N, C-alpha and C. Protein backbone atom coordinates (compact mmCIF):
# COMPACT_ATOMS: atom_id res chain seq x y z
N MET A 1 -11.75 -0.25 -13.26
CA MET A 1 -10.47 -0.46 -12.63
C MET A 1 -9.49 -1.05 -13.64
N ALA A 2 -8.50 -0.28 -13.95
CA ALA A 2 -7.54 -0.77 -14.92
C ALA A 2 -6.24 0.00 -14.80
N VAL A 3 -5.21 -0.58 -15.33
CA VAL A 3 -3.92 0.08 -15.43
C VAL A 3 -3.88 0.78 -16.78
N ASP A 4 -3.60 2.07 -16.75
CA ASP A 4 -3.48 2.86 -17.97
C ASP A 4 -2.03 2.79 -18.43
N GLU A 5 -1.76 1.96 -19.41
CA GLU A 5 -0.39 1.73 -19.89
C GLU A 5 0.22 2.97 -20.54
N THR A 6 -0.60 3.99 -20.84
CA THR A 6 -0.04 5.21 -21.43
C THR A 6 0.59 6.11 -20.37
N ARG A 7 0.31 5.82 -19.11
CA ARG A 7 0.87 6.61 -18.01
C ARG A 7 2.18 5.98 -17.54
N GLU A 8 3.06 6.81 -17.00
CA GLU A 8 4.35 6.34 -16.50
C GLU A 8 4.18 5.66 -15.14
N PHE A 9 4.85 4.52 -14.97
CA PHE A 9 4.90 3.87 -13.66
C PHE A 9 5.96 4.58 -12.83
N ILE A 10 5.59 4.99 -11.62
CA ILE A 10 6.53 5.67 -10.73
C ILE A 10 6.75 4.75 -9.52
N PRO A 11 7.94 4.15 -9.42
CA PRO A 11 8.21 3.26 -8.28
C PRO A 11 8.24 4.04 -6.97
N LEU A 12 7.67 3.44 -5.95
CA LEU A 12 7.67 4.05 -4.62
C LEU A 12 8.73 3.39 -3.75
N ASN A 13 9.18 4.14 -2.76
CA ASN A 13 10.12 3.63 -1.76
C ASN A 13 9.29 3.18 -0.57
N ILE A 14 9.26 1.88 -0.35
CA ILE A 14 8.38 1.29 0.65
C ILE A 14 9.19 0.62 1.75
N ALA A 15 8.88 0.98 2.99
CA ALA A 15 9.50 0.33 4.15
C ALA A 15 8.55 -0.75 4.65
N VAL A 16 9.12 -1.86 5.11
CA VAL A 16 8.34 -3.00 5.61
C VAL A 16 8.67 -3.21 7.08
N LEU A 17 7.62 -3.22 7.90
CA LEU A 17 7.79 -3.42 9.33
C LEU A 17 7.01 -4.65 9.77
N THR A 18 7.72 -5.65 10.27
CA THR A 18 7.08 -6.83 10.84
C THR A 18 6.97 -6.62 12.35
N ILE A 19 5.78 -6.81 12.87
CA ILE A 19 5.52 -6.62 14.29
C ILE A 19 5.18 -7.98 14.88
N SER A 20 6.09 -8.48 15.72
CA SER A 20 5.93 -9.83 16.26
C SER A 20 6.82 -10.01 17.48
N ASP A 21 6.31 -10.72 18.46
CA ASP A 21 7.12 -11.08 19.62
C ASP A 21 7.93 -12.34 19.38
N SER A 22 7.60 -13.09 18.33
CA SER A 22 8.23 -14.40 18.14
C SER A 22 9.06 -14.52 16.87
N ARG A 23 8.83 -13.71 15.86
CA ARG A 23 9.55 -13.88 14.59
C ARG A 23 10.93 -13.26 14.64
N ARG A 24 11.84 -13.94 13.99
CA ARG A 24 13.20 -13.46 13.81
C ARG A 24 13.42 -13.26 12.30
N PRO A 25 14.45 -12.56 11.89
CA PRO A 25 14.66 -12.33 10.46
C PRO A 25 14.64 -13.61 9.61
N THR A 26 15.15 -14.71 10.14
CA THR A 26 15.18 -15.95 9.37
C THR A 26 13.81 -16.64 9.33
N GLU A 27 12.87 -16.17 10.13
CA GLU A 27 11.54 -16.80 10.20
C GLU A 27 10.43 -15.86 9.74
N ASP A 28 10.77 -14.75 9.15
CA ASP A 28 9.78 -13.74 8.80
C ASP A 28 9.19 -14.01 7.41
N ILE A 29 8.38 -15.04 7.30
CA ILE A 29 7.80 -15.43 6.02
C ILE A 29 6.93 -14.33 5.44
N SER A 30 6.11 -13.71 6.29
CA SER A 30 5.22 -12.65 5.81
C SER A 30 6.01 -11.44 5.32
N GLY A 31 7.02 -11.02 6.07
CA GLY A 31 7.85 -9.91 5.64
C GLY A 31 8.58 -10.22 4.34
N ASP A 32 9.11 -11.44 4.24
CA ASP A 32 9.80 -11.86 3.02
C ASP A 32 8.84 -11.83 1.82
N ARG A 33 7.64 -12.32 2.04
CA ARG A 33 6.65 -12.36 0.95
C ARG A 33 6.29 -10.94 0.52
N LEU A 34 6.10 -10.06 1.48
CA LEU A 34 5.75 -8.67 1.16
C LEU A 34 6.86 -7.99 0.38
N VAL A 35 8.10 -8.18 0.79
CA VAL A 35 9.23 -7.60 0.08
C VAL A 35 9.27 -8.11 -1.35
N LYS A 36 9.09 -9.41 -1.54
CA LYS A 36 9.11 -9.97 -2.89
C LYS A 36 7.99 -9.38 -3.75
N LEU A 37 6.79 -9.27 -3.19
CA LEU A 37 5.66 -8.73 -3.95
C LEU A 37 5.92 -7.29 -4.38
N LEU A 38 6.40 -6.46 -3.48
CA LEU A 38 6.58 -5.05 -3.84
C LEU A 38 7.71 -4.87 -4.84
N ILE A 39 8.77 -5.65 -4.71
CA ILE A 39 9.88 -5.56 -5.67
C ILE A 39 9.45 -6.10 -7.03
N ASP A 40 8.75 -7.23 -7.03
CA ASP A 40 8.27 -7.80 -8.29
C ASP A 40 7.35 -6.84 -9.03
N ASP A 41 6.66 -5.97 -8.29
CA ASP A 41 5.76 -5.00 -8.92
C ASP A 41 6.47 -3.69 -9.27
N GLY A 42 7.80 -3.64 -9.09
CA GLY A 42 8.58 -2.50 -9.55
C GLY A 42 8.90 -1.44 -8.52
N HIS A 43 8.50 -1.65 -7.27
CA HIS A 43 8.80 -0.68 -6.21
C HIS A 43 10.16 -0.99 -5.59
N ARG A 44 10.63 -0.09 -4.75
CA ARG A 44 11.92 -0.26 -4.09
C ARG A 44 11.71 -0.47 -2.59
N LEU A 45 12.49 -1.37 -2.02
CA LEU A 45 12.48 -1.56 -0.57
C LEU A 45 13.33 -0.45 0.04
N ALA A 46 12.70 0.44 0.79
CA ALA A 46 13.41 1.56 1.40
C ALA A 46 14.13 1.13 2.67
N ASP A 47 13.49 0.22 3.43
CA ASP A 47 14.08 -0.26 4.67
C ASP A 47 13.18 -1.39 5.17
N ARG A 48 13.70 -2.11 6.15
CA ARG A 48 12.94 -3.23 6.71
C ARG A 48 13.37 -3.44 8.15
N ASP A 49 12.40 -3.80 9.00
CA ASP A 49 12.71 -4.03 10.40
C ASP A 49 11.70 -5.01 10.99
N ILE A 50 12.09 -5.63 12.09
CA ILE A 50 11.21 -6.48 12.89
C ILE A 50 11.28 -5.95 14.31
N ILE A 51 10.12 -5.69 14.90
CA ILE A 51 10.09 -5.22 16.28
C ILE A 51 8.98 -5.93 17.05
N HIS A 52 9.08 -5.86 18.36
CA HIS A 52 8.09 -6.50 19.24
C HIS A 52 6.78 -5.73 19.26
N ASP A 53 5.73 -6.42 19.69
CA ASP A 53 4.40 -5.83 19.86
C ASP A 53 4.39 -4.88 21.05
N GLU A 54 5.03 -3.76 20.90
CA GLU A 54 5.08 -2.71 21.93
C GLU A 54 4.73 -1.40 21.24
N ALA A 55 3.64 -0.78 21.66
CA ALA A 55 3.17 0.44 20.98
C ALA A 55 4.24 1.51 20.90
N ASP A 56 5.00 1.73 21.97
CA ASP A 56 6.03 2.77 21.95
C ASP A 56 7.10 2.48 20.90
N LEU A 57 7.50 1.22 20.79
CA LEU A 57 8.49 0.83 19.79
C LEU A 57 7.96 1.03 18.37
N ILE A 58 6.71 0.63 18.17
CA ILE A 58 6.08 0.76 16.84
C ILE A 58 6.00 2.24 16.46
N VAL A 59 5.50 3.06 17.36
CA VAL A 59 5.35 4.49 17.08
C VAL A 59 6.70 5.13 16.77
N ALA A 60 7.72 4.82 17.57
CA ALA A 60 9.04 5.39 17.34
C ALA A 60 9.59 5.00 15.97
N ARG A 61 9.46 3.71 15.63
CA ARG A 61 9.97 3.24 14.32
C ARG A 61 9.23 3.92 13.18
N LEU A 62 7.91 4.01 13.32
CA LEU A 62 7.11 4.64 12.26
C LEU A 62 7.44 6.12 12.12
N HIS A 63 7.62 6.82 13.23
CA HIS A 63 8.00 8.24 13.15
C HIS A 63 9.32 8.41 12.41
N ASN A 64 10.29 7.53 12.64
CA ASN A 64 11.57 7.62 11.92
C ASN A 64 11.36 7.53 10.42
N TRP A 65 10.55 6.57 9.99
CA TRP A 65 10.32 6.41 8.56
C TRP A 65 9.45 7.52 8.00
N ILE A 66 8.45 7.95 8.75
CA ILE A 66 7.57 9.03 8.28
C ILE A 66 8.38 10.31 8.06
N ASP A 67 9.35 10.55 8.91
CA ASP A 67 10.17 11.75 8.79
C ASP A 67 11.32 11.61 7.79
N ASP A 68 11.48 10.45 7.22
CA ASP A 68 12.55 10.20 6.25
C ASP A 68 12.01 10.48 4.84
N PRO A 69 12.53 11.49 4.15
CA PRO A 69 12.02 11.80 2.81
C PRO A 69 12.26 10.68 1.79
N ALA A 70 13.09 9.71 2.13
CA ALA A 70 13.35 8.59 1.22
C ALA A 70 12.31 7.48 1.37
N VAL A 71 11.33 7.64 2.27
CA VAL A 71 10.28 6.64 2.46
C VAL A 71 8.94 7.27 2.06
N ASP A 72 8.30 6.67 1.06
CA ASP A 72 6.98 7.14 0.61
C ASP A 72 5.84 6.47 1.35
N CYS A 73 6.09 5.24 1.78
CA CYS A 73 5.01 4.42 2.29
C CYS A 73 5.60 3.36 3.23
N VAL A 74 4.82 2.99 4.25
CA VAL A 74 5.21 1.91 5.15
C VAL A 74 4.09 0.87 5.14
N VAL A 75 4.48 -0.39 5.03
CA VAL A 75 3.51 -1.48 5.15
C VAL A 75 3.94 -2.33 6.34
N CYS A 76 3.05 -2.42 7.33
CA CYS A 76 3.30 -3.23 8.52
C CYS A 76 2.58 -4.55 8.38
N THR A 77 3.14 -5.57 8.97
CA THR A 77 2.48 -6.87 9.03
C THR A 77 2.57 -7.38 10.45
N GLY A 78 1.41 -7.72 11.01
CA GLY A 78 1.35 -8.26 12.36
C GLY A 78 0.79 -7.28 13.38
N GLY A 79 0.31 -7.83 14.48
CA GLY A 79 -0.18 -7.03 15.60
C GLY A 79 -1.55 -6.43 15.41
N THR A 80 -2.33 -6.95 14.44
CA THR A 80 -3.65 -6.36 14.15
C THR A 80 -4.81 -7.19 14.70
N GLY A 81 -4.51 -8.20 15.48
CA GLY A 81 -5.58 -9.04 16.03
C GLY A 81 -6.22 -8.41 17.26
N VAL A 82 -6.90 -9.24 18.04
CA VAL A 82 -7.64 -8.73 19.18
C VAL A 82 -7.07 -9.17 20.53
N THR A 83 -5.92 -9.85 20.52
CA THR A 83 -5.35 -10.29 21.80
C THR A 83 -4.70 -9.10 22.51
N GLY A 84 -4.36 -9.31 23.75
CA GLY A 84 -3.78 -8.24 24.55
C GLY A 84 -2.48 -7.68 24.00
N ARG A 85 -1.69 -8.49 23.31
CA ARG A 85 -0.40 -8.05 22.78
C ARG A 85 -0.53 -7.36 21.42
N ASP A 86 -1.68 -7.45 20.78
CA ASP A 86 -1.88 -6.85 19.45
C ASP A 86 -2.18 -5.36 19.59
N VAL A 87 -1.19 -4.51 19.26
CA VAL A 87 -1.33 -3.08 19.49
C VAL A 87 -1.02 -2.22 18.26
N THR A 88 -0.91 -2.83 17.09
CA THR A 88 -0.57 -2.06 15.90
C THR A 88 -1.59 -0.97 15.59
N PRO A 89 -2.90 -1.25 15.59
CA PRO A 89 -3.86 -0.17 15.31
C PRO A 89 -3.76 0.98 16.32
N GLU A 90 -3.56 0.65 17.59
CA GLU A 90 -3.41 1.71 18.59
C GLU A 90 -2.17 2.55 18.32
N ALA A 91 -1.10 1.91 17.88
CA ALA A 91 0.12 2.65 17.53
C ALA A 91 -0.14 3.59 16.35
N LEU A 92 -0.84 3.12 15.33
CA LEU A 92 -1.14 3.98 14.18
C LEU A 92 -1.99 5.18 14.60
N HIS A 93 -2.92 4.98 15.50
CA HIS A 93 -3.74 6.10 15.97
C HIS A 93 -2.90 7.16 16.68
N ARG A 94 -1.83 6.75 17.32
CA ARG A 94 -0.95 7.69 18.02
C ARG A 94 -0.11 8.54 17.06
N LEU A 95 -0.13 8.22 15.77
CA LEU A 95 0.62 9.00 14.79
C LEU A 95 -0.06 10.32 14.46
N ASP A 96 -1.28 10.49 14.91
CA ASP A 96 -2.05 11.72 14.67
C ASP A 96 -2.18 12.06 13.20
N GLY A 97 -2.47 11.05 12.38
CA GLY A 97 -2.67 11.29 10.96
C GLY A 97 -4.14 11.22 10.62
N LYS A 98 -4.41 11.08 9.35
CA LYS A 98 -5.76 10.90 8.85
C LYS A 98 -5.99 9.41 8.65
N ASP A 99 -7.01 8.89 9.31
CA ASP A 99 -7.37 7.49 9.11
C ASP A 99 -7.86 7.27 7.68
N ILE A 100 -7.61 6.07 7.17
CA ILE A 100 -8.14 5.66 5.87
C ILE A 100 -9.03 4.45 6.14
N PRO A 101 -10.26 4.66 6.64
CA PRO A 101 -11.09 3.54 7.08
C PRO A 101 -11.42 2.54 5.97
N GLY A 102 -11.48 3.01 4.74
CA GLY A 102 -11.81 2.11 3.64
C GLY A 102 -10.81 0.99 3.45
N PHE A 103 -9.55 1.21 3.84
CA PHE A 103 -8.54 0.17 3.69
C PHE A 103 -8.90 -1.07 4.51
N GLY A 104 -9.18 -0.87 5.80
CA GLY A 104 -9.54 -2.00 6.65
C GLY A 104 -10.85 -2.64 6.23
N GLU A 105 -11.80 -1.81 5.84
CA GLU A 105 -13.09 -2.33 5.39
C GLU A 105 -12.92 -3.21 4.16
N LEU A 106 -12.16 -2.72 3.18
CA LEU A 106 -11.94 -3.49 1.96
C LEU A 106 -11.13 -4.75 2.24
N PHE A 107 -10.11 -4.64 3.10
CA PHE A 107 -9.33 -5.83 3.44
C PHE A 107 -10.24 -6.92 4.02
N ARG A 108 -11.10 -6.55 4.98
CA ARG A 108 -11.98 -7.55 5.59
C ARG A 108 -12.97 -8.11 4.58
N TRP A 109 -13.43 -7.29 3.66
CA TRP A 109 -14.36 -7.76 2.62
C TRP A 109 -13.65 -8.80 1.73
N LEU A 110 -12.42 -8.49 1.31
CA LEU A 110 -11.66 -9.45 0.50
C LEU A 110 -11.36 -10.72 1.29
N SER A 111 -10.99 -10.57 2.55
CA SER A 111 -10.64 -11.69 3.40
C SER A 111 -11.84 -12.59 3.68
N TYR A 112 -13.01 -12.02 3.76
CA TYR A 112 -14.23 -12.78 4.04
C TYR A 112 -14.43 -13.90 3.01
N ALA A 113 -14.08 -13.62 1.76
CA ALA A 113 -14.23 -14.62 0.70
C ALA A 113 -13.36 -15.85 0.96
N LYS A 114 -12.29 -15.70 1.71
CA LYS A 114 -11.37 -16.81 1.97
C LYS A 114 -11.55 -17.45 3.33
N ILE A 115 -11.78 -16.62 4.37
CA ILE A 115 -11.82 -17.18 5.72
C ILE A 115 -13.15 -16.96 6.44
N GLY A 116 -14.13 -16.46 5.71
CA GLY A 116 -15.46 -16.29 6.28
C GLY A 116 -15.47 -15.32 7.44
N THR A 117 -16.30 -15.63 8.42
CA THR A 117 -16.49 -14.69 9.53
C THR A 117 -15.25 -14.52 10.41
N SER A 118 -14.25 -15.36 10.25
CA SER A 118 -13.01 -15.18 11.02
C SER A 118 -12.34 -13.84 10.71
N THR A 119 -12.69 -13.24 9.59
CA THR A 119 -12.11 -11.95 9.22
C THR A 119 -12.47 -10.86 10.23
N ILE A 120 -13.51 -11.07 11.00
CA ILE A 120 -13.91 -10.07 11.99
C ILE A 120 -12.83 -9.85 13.05
N GLN A 121 -11.91 -10.80 13.19
CA GLN A 121 -10.83 -10.67 14.16
C GLN A 121 -9.69 -9.76 13.66
N SER A 122 -9.75 -9.37 12.40
CA SER A 122 -8.70 -8.51 11.84
C SER A 122 -9.01 -7.05 12.09
N ARG A 123 -8.00 -6.34 12.54
CA ARG A 123 -8.12 -4.88 12.68
C ARG A 123 -7.16 -4.19 11.71
N ALA A 124 -7.08 -4.74 10.49
CA ALA A 124 -6.27 -4.09 9.45
C ALA A 124 -6.70 -2.64 9.36
N CYS A 125 -5.72 -1.74 9.17
CA CYS A 125 -6.05 -0.32 9.16
C CYS A 125 -4.98 0.44 8.39
N ALA A 126 -5.23 1.73 8.17
CA ALA A 126 -4.27 2.57 7.45
C ALA A 126 -4.49 4.02 7.83
N CYS A 127 -3.42 4.80 7.61
CA CYS A 127 -3.50 6.24 7.81
C CYS A 127 -2.48 6.92 6.91
N VAL A 128 -2.60 8.22 6.83
CA VAL A 128 -1.58 9.02 6.16
C VAL A 128 -1.14 10.07 7.18
N THR A 129 0.16 10.17 7.38
CA THR A 129 0.72 11.06 8.38
C THR A 129 1.91 11.81 7.80
N ARG A 130 1.85 13.14 7.85
CA ARG A 130 2.96 13.99 7.41
C ARG A 130 3.51 13.57 6.04
N GLY A 131 2.61 13.22 5.14
CA GLY A 131 3.01 12.91 3.77
C GLY A 131 3.39 11.47 3.50
N THR A 132 3.19 10.58 4.46
CA THR A 132 3.55 9.17 4.30
C THR A 132 2.34 8.29 4.57
N PHE A 133 2.09 7.36 3.66
CA PHE A 133 1.03 6.37 3.88
C PHE A 133 1.56 5.27 4.80
N VAL A 134 0.73 4.81 5.74
CA VAL A 134 1.07 3.70 6.62
C VAL A 134 -0.08 2.71 6.59
N PHE A 135 0.22 1.48 6.21
CA PHE A 135 -0.79 0.42 6.12
C PHE A 135 -0.43 -0.68 7.11
N ALA A 136 -1.43 -1.25 7.76
CA ALA A 136 -1.20 -2.34 8.72
C ALA A 136 -2.03 -3.55 8.31
N LEU A 137 -1.34 -4.62 7.99
CA LEU A 137 -1.96 -5.89 7.60
C LEU A 137 -1.77 -6.92 8.70
N PRO A 138 -2.64 -7.92 8.76
CA PRO A 138 -2.38 -9.04 9.68
C PRO A 138 -1.06 -9.73 9.33
N GLY A 139 -0.57 -10.53 10.26
CA GLY A 139 0.76 -11.11 10.12
C GLY A 139 0.87 -12.41 9.35
N SER A 140 -0.22 -12.96 8.88
CA SER A 140 -0.12 -14.23 8.14
C SER A 140 0.33 -13.99 6.70
N PRO A 141 1.06 -14.93 6.12
CA PRO A 141 1.46 -14.78 4.72
C PRO A 141 0.26 -14.62 3.78
N SER A 142 -0.82 -15.32 4.06
CA SER A 142 -2.02 -15.20 3.24
C SER A 142 -2.61 -13.79 3.30
N ALA A 143 -2.62 -13.20 4.49
CA ALA A 143 -3.14 -11.84 4.64
C ALA A 143 -2.28 -10.83 3.90
N VAL A 144 -0.96 -11.04 3.92
CA VAL A 144 -0.06 -10.15 3.20
C VAL A 144 -0.35 -10.22 1.71
N ILE A 145 -0.53 -11.41 1.19
CA ILE A 145 -0.85 -11.57 -0.23
C ILE A 145 -2.19 -10.91 -0.55
N ASP A 146 -3.21 -11.16 0.28
CA ASP A 146 -4.53 -10.56 0.05
C ASP A 146 -4.45 -9.04 0.06
N GLY A 147 -3.75 -8.48 1.04
CA GLY A 147 -3.65 -7.03 1.15
C GLY A 147 -2.89 -6.41 -0.01
N TRP A 148 -1.78 -7.07 -0.41
CA TRP A 148 -1.00 -6.52 -1.52
C TRP A 148 -1.73 -6.70 -2.84
N GLU A 149 -2.09 -7.94 -3.17
CA GLU A 149 -2.69 -8.21 -4.48
C GLU A 149 -4.09 -7.63 -4.62
N GLY A 150 -4.83 -7.56 -3.51
CA GLY A 150 -6.20 -7.08 -3.59
C GLY A 150 -6.37 -5.59 -3.44
N ILE A 151 -5.38 -4.90 -2.85
CA ILE A 151 -5.54 -3.46 -2.60
C ILE A 151 -4.28 -2.68 -2.98
N LEU A 152 -3.18 -2.97 -2.31
CA LEU A 152 -2.00 -2.12 -2.42
C LEU A 152 -1.36 -2.15 -3.81
N ARG A 153 -1.35 -3.28 -4.47
CA ARG A 153 -0.76 -3.34 -5.81
C ARG A 153 -1.36 -2.25 -6.70
N ASN A 154 -2.67 -2.12 -6.69
CA ASN A 154 -3.32 -1.11 -7.52
C ASN A 154 -3.19 0.29 -6.96
N GLN A 155 -3.41 0.44 -5.67
CA GLN A 155 -3.41 1.78 -5.09
C GLN A 155 -2.02 2.41 -5.02
N LEU A 156 -0.97 1.61 -5.08
CA LEU A 156 0.39 2.16 -5.09
C LEU A 156 0.98 2.23 -6.49
N ASP A 157 0.15 1.94 -7.50
CA ASP A 157 0.57 2.00 -8.90
C ASP A 157 0.05 3.31 -9.50
N SER A 158 0.95 4.18 -9.90
CA SER A 158 0.59 5.49 -10.42
C SER A 158 -0.24 5.42 -11.70
N ARG A 159 -0.31 4.26 -12.32
CA ARG A 159 -1.07 4.11 -13.56
C ARG A 159 -2.49 3.62 -13.33
N HIS A 160 -2.81 3.23 -12.11
CA HIS A 160 -4.13 2.67 -11.82
C HIS A 160 -5.22 3.74 -11.97
N ARG A 161 -6.28 3.39 -12.64
CA ARG A 161 -7.40 4.27 -12.89
C ARG A 161 -8.65 3.70 -12.28
N PRO A 162 -9.55 4.50 -11.74
CA PRO A 162 -9.65 5.93 -11.98
C PRO A 162 -8.79 6.79 -11.06
N CYS A 163 -8.28 6.23 -9.97
CA CYS A 163 -7.41 7.01 -9.08
C CYS A 163 -6.57 6.06 -8.23
N ASN A 164 -5.57 6.62 -7.54
CA ASN A 164 -4.68 5.79 -6.74
C ASN A 164 -4.00 6.64 -5.68
N PHE A 165 -3.45 5.98 -4.67
CA PHE A 165 -2.72 6.69 -3.61
C PHE A 165 -1.41 7.29 -4.13
N ALA A 166 -0.75 6.60 -5.05
CA ALA A 166 0.56 7.04 -5.53
C ALA A 166 0.51 8.45 -6.11
N GLU A 167 -0.53 8.75 -6.87
CA GLU A 167 -0.61 10.07 -7.48
C GLU A 167 -0.93 11.18 -6.45
N LEU A 168 -1.38 10.77 -5.27
CA LEU A 168 -1.68 11.76 -4.22
C LEU A 168 -0.44 12.16 -3.41
N LEU A 169 0.62 11.38 -3.47
CA LEU A 169 1.81 11.66 -2.65
C LEU A 169 2.28 13.12 -2.69
N PRO A 170 2.39 13.74 -3.85
CA PRO A 170 2.87 15.12 -3.86
C PRO A 170 1.93 16.12 -3.18
N ARG A 171 0.68 15.72 -2.99
CA ARG A 171 -0.32 16.63 -2.43
C ARG A 171 -0.63 16.38 -0.96
N LEU A 172 -0.02 15.40 -0.35
CA LEU A 172 -0.40 15.01 1.00
C LEU A 172 -0.08 16.05 2.07
N THR A 173 0.89 16.89 1.83
CA THR A 173 1.27 17.87 2.84
C THR A 173 0.80 19.28 2.49
N GLU A 174 0.01 19.42 1.43
CA GLU A 174 -0.43 20.77 1.07
C GLU A 174 -1.41 21.31 2.11
N ARG A 175 -1.45 22.61 2.20
CA ARG A 175 -2.34 23.31 3.15
C ARG A 175 -3.30 24.18 2.40
């Protein structure tokens, strides 16, 4: 696992979606942290929004970004727990894309080192739909850092070897 400095870095256009019934733009620490991380790593913020834990709202927002050619990837934060209001994974399943089960598995493995068995409460997940990657992280600032620094930083970097999600973007809609 390494960055191949001989390859060109290709910045991605990433939308950030915070899913919360209680956070407002001035209180969105996790969203702010995620935006800072992606910009510091050379990517562009394509758009940003905060919406309530309502599956229909989440699906509608995600469809807008998935259908926007200016958005390569969406990273969601929040709504991945096991309470009744946590519906982000269910919303992602309604997108009718291809699940990326390894994302959630790896996230929980990384998280286990920090929070032990409490990681079992996370339903972090990902999919690719109509040429757009969609990742769902838990809503805590620590989870956002773990997900970005432990997985997404490398997988969204076109120079990461032996392979990465960024280099697959042009091929996601091929038949």
